[in-house]
């Protein structure tokens, strides 16, 4: 299983945000374990600016994407 976790103190919603990039071969149980590890990892919570205990998952937005998904950036003129 290959994965990457990116953490930001503010997402577009203004909330702390963790983006988990996974490969397409991940199983549901592996994904569950990965989410559990991300939401209880003190380094991740600190990087996201959360002070809650490791057992508290509220306040952290999680986005799960295929790591090889093509990302399209669009710039709108206003």
PDB file of N, CA and C in Angstrom:
ATOM      1  N   UNK A   1       0.846  -1.173   0.000  1.00  0.00           N
ATOM      2  CA  UNK A   1       0.000   0.000   0.000  1.00  0.00           C
ATOM      3  C   UNK A   1       0.892   1.236   0.000  1.00  0.00           C
ATOM      4  N   UNK A   2       0.627   2.148  -0.904  1.00  0.00           N
ATOM      5  CA  UNK A   2       1.366   3.390  -0.983  1.00  0.00           C
ATOM      6  C   UNK A   2       0.411   4.528  -0.666  1.00  0.00           C
ATOM      7  N   UNK A   3       0.859   5.453   0.188  1.00  0.00           N
ATOM      8  CA  UNK A   3       0.009   6.591   0.505  1.00  0.00           C
ATOM      9  C   UNK A   3       0.864   7.799   0.847  1.00  0.00           C
ATOM     10  N   UNK A   4       0.229   8.949   0.810  1.00  0.00           N
ATOM     11  CA  UNK A   4       0.874  10.212   1.162  1.00  0.00           C
ATOM     12  C   UNK A   4      -0.162  11.034   1.911  1.00  0.00           C
ATOM     13  N   UNK A   5       0.261  11.726   2.957  1.00  0.00           N
ATOM     14  CA  UNK A   5      -0.649  12.567   3.730  1.00  0.00           C
ATOM     15  C   UNK A   5      -0.143  14.001   3.670  1.00  0.00           C
ATOM     16  N   UNK A   6      -1.027  14.906   3.275  1.00  0.00           N
ATOM     17  CA  UNK A   6      -0.708  16.335   3.254  1.00  0.00           C
ATOM     18  C   UNK A   6      -1.624  17.018   4.258  1.00  0.00           C
ATOM     19  N   UNK A   7      -1.054  17.877   5.083  1.00  0.00           N
ATOM     20  CA  UNK A   7      -1.830  18.534   6.134  1.00  0.00           C
ATOM     21  C   UNK A   7      -1.714  20.044   5.981  1.00  0.00           C
ATOM     22  N   UNK A   8      -2.831  20.737   6.177  1.00  0.00           N
ATOM     23  CA  UNK A   8      -2.844  22.199   6.127  1.00  0.00           C
ATOM     24  C   UNK A   8      -3.688  22.716   7.289  1.00  0.00           C
ATOM     25  N   UNK A   9      -3.288  23.846   7.850  1.00  0.00           N
ATOM     26  CA  UNK A   9      -4.059  24.428   8.951  1.00  0.00           C
ATOM     27  C   UNK A   9      -5.389  24.992   8.487  1.00  0.00           C
ATOM     28  N   UNK A  10      -5.457  25.401   7.222  1.00  0.00           N
ATOM     29  CA  UNK A  10      -6.716  25.931   6.692  1.00  0.00           C
ATOM     30  C   UNK A  10      -6.945  25.405   5.281  1.00  0.00           C
ATOM     31  N   UNK A  11      -8.133  24.870   5.066  1.00  0.00           N
ATOM     32  CA  UNK A  11      -8.524  24.452   3.714  1.00  0.00           C
ATOM     33  C   UNK A  11      -9.394  25.559   3.131  1.00  0.00           C
ATOM     34  N   UNK A  12     -10.017  25.299   2.010  1.00  0.00           N
ATOM     35  CA  UNK A  12     -10.902  26.304   1.409  1.00  0.00           C
ATOM     36  C   UNK A  12     -12.105  26.594   2.308  1.00  0.00           C
ATOM     37  N   UNK A  13     -12.451  25.651   3.188  1.00  0.00           N
ATOM     38  CA  UNK A  13     -13.562  25.858   4.122  1.00  0.00           C
ATOM     39  C   UNK A  13     -13.119  26.604   5.373  1.00  0.00           C
ATOM     40  N   UNK A  14     -11.798  26.790   5.515  1.00  0.00           N
ATOM     41  CA  UNK A  14     -11.268  27.461   6.697  1.00  0.00           C
ATOM     42  C   UNK A  14     -10.927  26.521   7.830  1.00  0.00           C
ATOM     43  N   UNK A  15     -11.203  25.243   7.658  1.00  0.00           N
ATOM     44  CA  UNK A  15     -10.929  24.249   8.695  1.00  0.00           C
ATOM     45  C   UNK A  15      -9.586  23.572   8.460  1.00  0.00           C
ATOM     46  N   UNK A  16      -9.001  22.996   9.522  1.00  0.00           N
ATOM     47  CA  UNK A  16      -7.809  22.172   9.316  1.00  0.00           C
ATOM     48  C   UNK A  16      -8.148  21.032   8.360  1.00  0.00           C
ATOM     49  N   UNK A  17      -7.161  20.621   7.578  1.00  0.00           N
ATOM     50  CA  UNK A  17      -7.430  19.717   6.467  1.00  0.00           C
ATOM     51  C   UNK A  17      -6.310  18.695   6.318  1.00  0.00           C
ATOM     52  N   UNK A  18      -6.683  17.440   6.156  1.00  0.00           N
ATOM     53  CA  UNK A  18      -5.718  16.388   5.827  1.00  0.00           C
ATOM     54  C   UNK A  18      -6.155  15.772   4.506  1.00  0.00           C
ATOM     55  N   UNK A  19      -5.242  15.722   3.572  1.00  0.00           N
ATOM     56  CA  UNK A  19      -5.512  15.091   2.280  1.00  0.00           C
ATOM     57  C   UNK A  19      -4.712  13.795   2.244  1.00  0.00           C
ATOM     58  N   UNK A  20      -5.409  12.699   2.025  1.00  0.00           N
ATOM     59  CA  UNK A  20      -4.766  11.389   1.972  1.00  0.00           C
ATOM     60  C   UNK A  20      -4.788  10.922   0.522  1.00  0.00           C
ATOM     61  N   UNK A  21      -3.600  10.742  -0.042  1.00  0.00           N
ATOM     62  CA  UNK A  21      -3.472  10.253  -1.418  1.00  0.00           C
ATOM     63  C   UNK A  21      -3.106   8.775  -1.348  1.00  0.00           C
ATOM     64  N   UNK A  22      -3.934   7.926  -1.936  1.00  0.00           N
ATOM     65  CA  UNK A  22      -3.726   6.478  -1.865  1.00  0.00           C
ATOM     66  C   UNK A  22      -3.636   5.895  -3.270  1.00  0.00           C
ATOM     67  N   UNK A  23      -3.070   4.697  -3.365  1.00  0.00           N
ATOM     68  CA  UNK A  23      -3.060   4.028  -4.658  1.00  0.00           C
ATOM     69  C   UNK A  23      -4.380   3.282  -4.828  1.00  0.00           C
ATOM     70  N   UNK A  24      -4.689   2.912  -6.048  1.00  0.00           N
ATOM     71  CA  UNK A  24      -5.961   2.286  -6.356  1.00  0.00           C
ATOM     72  C   UNK A  24      -6.137   0.882  -5.809  1.00  0.00           C
ATOM     73  N   UNK A  25      -5.100   0.291  -5.263  1.00  0.00           N
ATOM     74  CA  UNK A  25      -5.167  -1.087  -4.781  1.00  0.00           C
ATOM     75  C   UNK A  25      -5.455  -1.182  -3.286  1.00  0.00           C
ATOM     76  N   UNK A  26      -5.802  -0.082  -2.641  1.00  0.00           N
ATOM     77  CA  UNK A  26      -6.049  -0.095  -1.202  1.00  0.00           C
ATOM     78  C   UNK A  26      -7.408  -0.750  -0.913  1.00  0.00           C
ATOM     79  N   UNK A  27      -7.461  -1.553   0.126  1.00  0.00           N
ATOM     80  CA  UNK A  27      -8.712  -2.197   0.509  1.00  0.00           C
ATOM     81  C   UNK A  27      -9.441  -1.320   1.524  1.00  0.00           C
ATOM     82  N   UNK A  28     -10.697  -1.623   1.751  1.00  0.00           N
ATOM     83  CA  UNK A  28     -11.495  -0.847   2.708  1.00  0.00           C
ATOM     84  C   UNK A  28     -10.915  -0.948   4.117  1.00  0.00           C
ATOM     85  N   UNK A  29     -10.448  -2.114   4.514  1.00  0.00           N
ATOM     86  CA  UNK A  29      -9.879  -2.262   5.855  1.00  0.00           C
ATOM     87  C   UNK A  29      -8.556  -1.506   5.979  1.00  0.00           C
ATOM     88  N   UNK A  30      -7.745  -1.507   4.927  1.00  0.00           N
ATOM     89  CA  UNK A  30      -6.498  -0.736   4.951  1.00  0.00           C
ATOM     90  C   UNK A  30      -6.799   0.757   5.033  1.00  0.00           C
ATOM     91  N   UNK A  31      -7.818   1.206   4.304  1.00  0.00           N
ATOM     92  CA  UNK A  31      -8.195   2.609   4.337  1.00  0.00           C
ATOM     93  C   UNK A  31      -8.692   2.998   5.729  1.00  0.00           C
ATOM     94  N   UNK A  32      -9.471   2.135   6.345  1.00  0.00           N
ATOM     95  CA  UNK A  32      -9.949   2.390   7.715  1.00  0.00           C
ATOM     96  C   UNK A  32      -8.804   2.514   8.695  1.00  0.00           C
ATOM     97  N   UNK A  33      -7.832   1.626   8.588  1.00  0.00           N
ATOM     98  CA  UNK A  33      -6.646   1.683   9.452  1.00  0.00           C
ATOM     99  C   UNK A  33      -5.854   2.956   9.209  1.00  0.00           C
ATOM    100  N   UNK A  34      -5.700   3.336   7.957  1.00  0.00           N
ATOM    101  CA  UNK A  34      -4.967   4.548   7.607  1.00  0.00           C
ATOM    102  C   UNK A  34      -5.652   5.787   8.181  1.00  0.00           C
ATOM    103  N   UNK A  35      -6.966   5.880   8.034  1.00  0.00           N
ATOM    104  CA  UNK A  35      -7.709   7.020   8.585  1.00  0.00           C
ATOM    105  C   UNK A  35      -7.564   7.064  10.101  1.00  0.00           C
ATOM    106  N   UNK A  36      -7.657   5.912  10.756  1.00  0.00           N
ATOM    107  CA  UNK A  36      -7.491   5.846  12.212  1.00  0.00           C
ATOM    108  C   UNK A  36      -6.107   6.343  12.607  1.00  0.00           C
ATOM    109  N   UNK A  37      -5.086   5.924  11.878  1.00  0.00           N
ATOM    110  CA  UNK A  37      -3.723   6.354  12.190  1.00  0.00           C
ATOM    111  C   UNK A  37      -3.538   7.851  11.971  1.00  0.00           C
ATOM    112  N   UNK A  38      -4.113   8.391  10.897  1.00  0.00           N
ATOM    113  CA  UNK A  38      -3.985   9.826  10.608  1.00  0.00           C
ATOM    114  C   UNK A  38      -4.692  10.649  11.686  1.00  0.00           C
ATOM    115  N   UNK A  39      -5.883  10.224  12.087  1.00  0.00           N
ATOM    116  CA  UNK A  39      -6.669  11.025  13.032  1.00  0.00           C
ATOM    117  C   UNK A  39      -6.196  10.905  14.471  1.00  0.00           C
ATOM    118  N   UNK A  40      -5.309   9.977  14.753  1.00  0.00           N
ATOM    119  CA  UNK A  40      -4.786   9.857  16.120  1.00  0.00           C
ATOM    120  C   UNK A  40      -3.297  10.171  16.213  1.00  0.00           C
ATOM    121  N   UNK A  41      -2.674  10.522  15.093  1.00  0.00           N
ATOM    122  CA  UNK A  41      -1.251  10.825  15.069  1.00  0.00           C
ATOM    123  C   UNK A  41      -1.020  12.242  15.583  1.00  0.00           C
ATOM    124  N   UNK A  42      -0.270  12.366  16.669  1.00  0.00           N
ATOM    125  CA  UNK A  42      -0.059  13.685  17.279  1.00  0.00           C
ATOM    126  C   UNK A  42       0.671  14.639  16.350  1.00  0.00           C
ATOM    127  N   UNK A  43       1.569  14.157  15.522  1.00  0.00           N
ATOM    128  CA  UNK A  43       2.269  15.023  14.575  1.00  0.00           C
ATOM    129  C   UNK A  43       1.308  15.611  13.553  1.00  0.00           C
ATOM    130  N   UNK A  44       0.369  14.800  13.072  1.00  0.00           N
ATOM    131  CA  UNK A  44      -0.626  15.279  12.110  1.00  0.00           C
ATOM    132  C   UNK A  44      -1.531  16.306  12.765  1.00  0.00           C
ATOM    133  N   UNK A  45      -2.018  16.005  13.975  1.00  0.00           N
ATOM    134  CA  UNK A  45      -2.910  16.932  14.671  1.00  0.00           C
ATOM    135  C   UNK A  45      -2.213  18.253  14.973  1.00  0.00           C
ATOM    136  N   UNK A  46      -0.944  18.182  15.366  1.00  0.00           N
ATOM    137  CA  UNK A  46      -0.176  19.400  15.642  1.00  0.00           C
ATOM    138  C   UNK A  46       0.031  20.205  14.366  1.00  0.00           C
ATOM    139  N   UNK A  47       0.374  19.540  13.263  1.00  0.00           N
ATOM    140  CA  UNK A  47       0.571  20.226  11.985  1.00  0.00           C
ATOM    141  C   UNK A  47      -0.718  20.894  11.514  1.00  0.00           C
ATOM    142  N   UNK A  48      -1.857  20.304  11.863  1.00  0.00           N
ATOM    143  CA  UNK A  48      -3.146  20.870  11.476  1.00  0.00           C
ATOM    144  C   UNK A  48      -3.587  21.976  12.429  1.00  0.00           C
ATOM    145  N   UNK A  49      -2.831  22.190  13.499  1.00  0.00           N
ATOM    146  CA  UNK A  49      -3.170  23.241  14.451  1.00  0.00           C
ATOM    147  C   UNK A  49      -4.224  22.839  15.453  1.00  0.00           C
ATOM    148  N   UNK A  50      -4.470  21.537  15.607  1.00  0.00           N
ATOM    149  CA  UNK A  50      -5.459  21.057  16.569  1.00  0.00           C
ATOM    150  C   UNK A  50      -4.786  20.749  17.898  1.00  0.00           C
ATOM    151  N   UNK A  51      -5.477  21.079  18.973  1.00  0.00           N
ATOM    152  CA  UNK A  51      -4.925  20.815  20.300  1.00  0.00           C
ATOM    153  C   UNK A  51      -5.669  19.697  21.012  1.00  0.00           C
ATOM    154  N   UNK A  52      -6.637  19.127  20.355  1.00  0.00           N
ATOM    155  CA  UNK A  52      -7.459  18.090  20.967  1.00  0.00           C
ATOM    156  C   UNK A  52      -6.657  16.824  21.212  1.00  0.00           C
ATOM    157  N   UNK A  53      -7.187  15.984  22.049  1.00  0.00           N
ATOM    158  CA  UNK A  53      -6.541  14.704  22.313  1.00  0.00           C
ATOM    159  C   UNK A  53      -6.571  13.851  21.053  1.00  0.00           C
ATOM    160  N   UNK A  54      -5.746  12.832  21.014  1.00  0.00           N
ATOM    161  CA  UNK A  54      -5.666  11.967  19.844  1.00  0.00           C
ATOM    162  C   UNK A  54      -6.949  11.235  19.526  1.00  0.00           C
ATOM    163  N   UNK A  55      -7.811  11.053  20.517  1.00  0.00           N
ATOM    164  CA  UNK A  55      -9.064  10.346  20.300  1.00  0.00           C
ATOM    165  C   UNK A  55     -10.154  11.206  19.691  1.00  0.00           C
ATOM    166  N   UNK A  56      -9.942  12.526  19.653  1.00  0.00           N
ATOM    167  CA  UNK A  56     -10.959  13.444  19.130  1.00  0.00           C
ATOM    168  C   UNK A  56     -10.679  13.718  17.657  1.00  0.00           C
ATOM    169  N   UNK A  57     -11.634  13.397  16.802  1.00  0.00           N
ATOM    170  CA  UNK A  57     -11.439  13.562  15.364  1.00  0.00           C
ATOM    171  C   UNK A  57     -12.188  14.772  14.823  1.00  0.00           C
ATOM    172  N   UNK A  58     -12.972  15.431  15.660  1.00  0.00           N
ATOM    173  CA  UNK A  58     -13.756  16.560  15.161  1.00  0.00           C
ATOM    174  C   UNK A  58     -12.845  17.733  14.827  1.00  0.00           C
ATOM    175  N   UNK A  59     -13.199  18.458  13.801  1.00  0.00           N
ATOM    176  CA  UNK A  59     -12.441  19.643  13.431  1.00  0.00           C
ATOM    177  C   UNK A  59     -11.406  19.407  12.352  1.00  0.00           C
ATOM    178  N   UNK A  60     -11.197  18.174  11.940  1.00  0.00           N
ATOM    179  CA  UNK A  60     -10.218  17.875  10.895  1.00  0.00           C
ATOM    180  C   UNK A  60     -10.945  17.353   9.666  1.00  0.00           C
ATOM    181  N   UNK A  61     -10.957  18.165   8.603  1.00  0.00           N
ATOM    182  CA  UNK A  61     -11.546  17.717   7.339  1.00  0.00           C
ATOM    183  C   UNK A  61     -10.582  16.743   6.675  1.00  0.00           C
ATOM    184  N   UNK A  62     -11.114  15.649   6.152  1.00  0.00           N
ATOM    185  CA  UNK A  62     -10.285  14.642   5.490  1.00  0.00           C
ATOM    186  C   UNK A  62     -10.770  14.456   4.057  1.00  0.00           C
ATOM    187  N   UNK A  63      -9.844  14.553   3.121  1.00  0.00           N
ATOM    188  CA  UNK A  63     -10.133  14.342   1.707  1.00  0.00           C
ATOM    189  C   UNK A  63      -9.281  13.159   1.254  1.00  0.00           C
ATOM    190  N   UNK A  64      -9.919  12.138   0.704  1.00  0.00           N
ATOM    191  CA  UNK A  64      -9.204  10.945   0.239  1.00  0.00           C
ATOM    192  C   UNK A  64      -9.265  10.925  -1.285  1.00  0.00           C
ATOM    193  N   UNK A  65      -8.091  10.839  -1.899  1.00  0.00           N
ATOM    194  CA  UNK A  65      -8.008  10.844  -3.363  1.00  0.00           C
ATOM    195  C   UNK A  65      -7.087   9.751  -3.852  1.00  0.00           C
ATOM    196  N   UNK A  66      -7.321   9.338  -5.069  1.00  0.00           N
ATOM    197  CA  UNK A  66      -6.405   8.426  -5.749  1.00  0.00           C
ATOM    198  C   UNK A  66      -5.133   9.216  -6.041  1.00  0.00           C
ATOM    199  N   UNK A  67      -3.995   8.714  -5.623  1.00  0.00           N
ATOM    200  CA  UNK A  67      -2.751   9.478  -5.766  1.00  0.00           C
ATOM    201  C   UNK A  67      -2.376   9.721  -7.221  1.00  0.00           C
ATOM    202  N   UNK A  68      -2.896   8.934  -8.146  1.00  0.00           N
ATOM    203  CA  UNK A  68      -2.575   9.118  -9.556  1.00  0.00           C
ATOM    204  C   UNK A  68      -3.696   9.824 -10.297  1.00  0.00           C
ATOM    205  N   UNK A  69      -4.656  10.353  -9.562  1.00  0.00           N
ATOM    206  CA  UNK A  69      -5.744  11.106 -10.163  1.00  0.00           C
ATOM    207  C   UNK A  69      -5.183  12.387 -10.776  1.00  0.00           C
ATOM    208  N   UNK A  70      -5.607  12.678 -11.973  1.00  0.00           N
ATOM    209  CA  UNK A  70      -5.143  13.887 -12.638  1.00  0.00           C
ATOM    210  C   UNK A  70      -5.828  15.100 -12.010  1.00  0.00           C
ATOM    211  N   UNK A  71      -5.045  16.077 -11.631  1.00  0.00           N
ATOM    212  CA  UNK A  71      -5.586  17.298 -11.029  1.00  0.00           C
ATOM    213  C   UNK A  71      -5.590  18.388 -12.079  1.00  0.00           C
ATOM    214  N   UNK A  72      -6.731  19.040 -12.225  1.00  0.00           N
ATOM    215  CA  UNK A  72      -6.863  20.124 -13.184  1.00  0.00           C
ATOM    216  C   UNK A  72      -7.033  21.422 -12.398  1.00  0.00           C
ATOM    217  N   UNK A  73      -6.130  22.353 -12.595  1.00  0.00           N
ATOM    218  CA  UNK A  73      -6.230  23.659 -11.964  1.00  0.00           C
ATOM    219  C   UNK A  73      -6.813  24.640 -12.965  1.00  0.00           C
ATOM    220  N   UNK A  74      -7.874  25.325 -12.542  1.00  0.00           N
ATOM    221  CA  UNK A  74      -8.553  26.278 -13.412  1.00  0.00           C
ATOM    222  C   UNK A  74      -8.473  27.643 -12.770  1.00  0.00           C
ATOM    223  N   UNK A  75      -8.094  28.629 -13.537  1.00  0.00           N
ATOM    224  CA  UNK A  75      -8.006  29.997 -13.034  1.00  0.00           C
ATOM    225  C   UNK A  75      -9.158  30.790 -13.656  1.00  0.00           C
ATOM    226  N   UNK A  76     -10.029  31.333 -12.796  1.00  0.00           N
ATOM    227  CA  UNK A  76     -11.169  32.095 -13.276  1.00  0.00           C
ATOM    228  C   UNK A  76     -10.852  33.581 -13.237  1.00  0.00           C
ATOM    229  N   UNK A  77     -11.219  34.266 -14.274  1.00  0.00           N
ATOM    230  CA  UNK A  77     -11.029  35.716 -14.312  1.00  0.00           C
ATOM    231  C   UNK A  77     -12.281  36.360 -13.750  1.00  0.00           C
ATOM    232  N   UNK A  78     -12.072  37.309 -12.873  1.00  0.00           N
ATOM    233  CA  UNK A  78     -13.213  37.832 -12.168  1.00  0.00           C
ATOM    234  C   UNK A  78     -13.645  39.162 -12.517  1.00  0.00           C
TER     235      UNK A  78
END
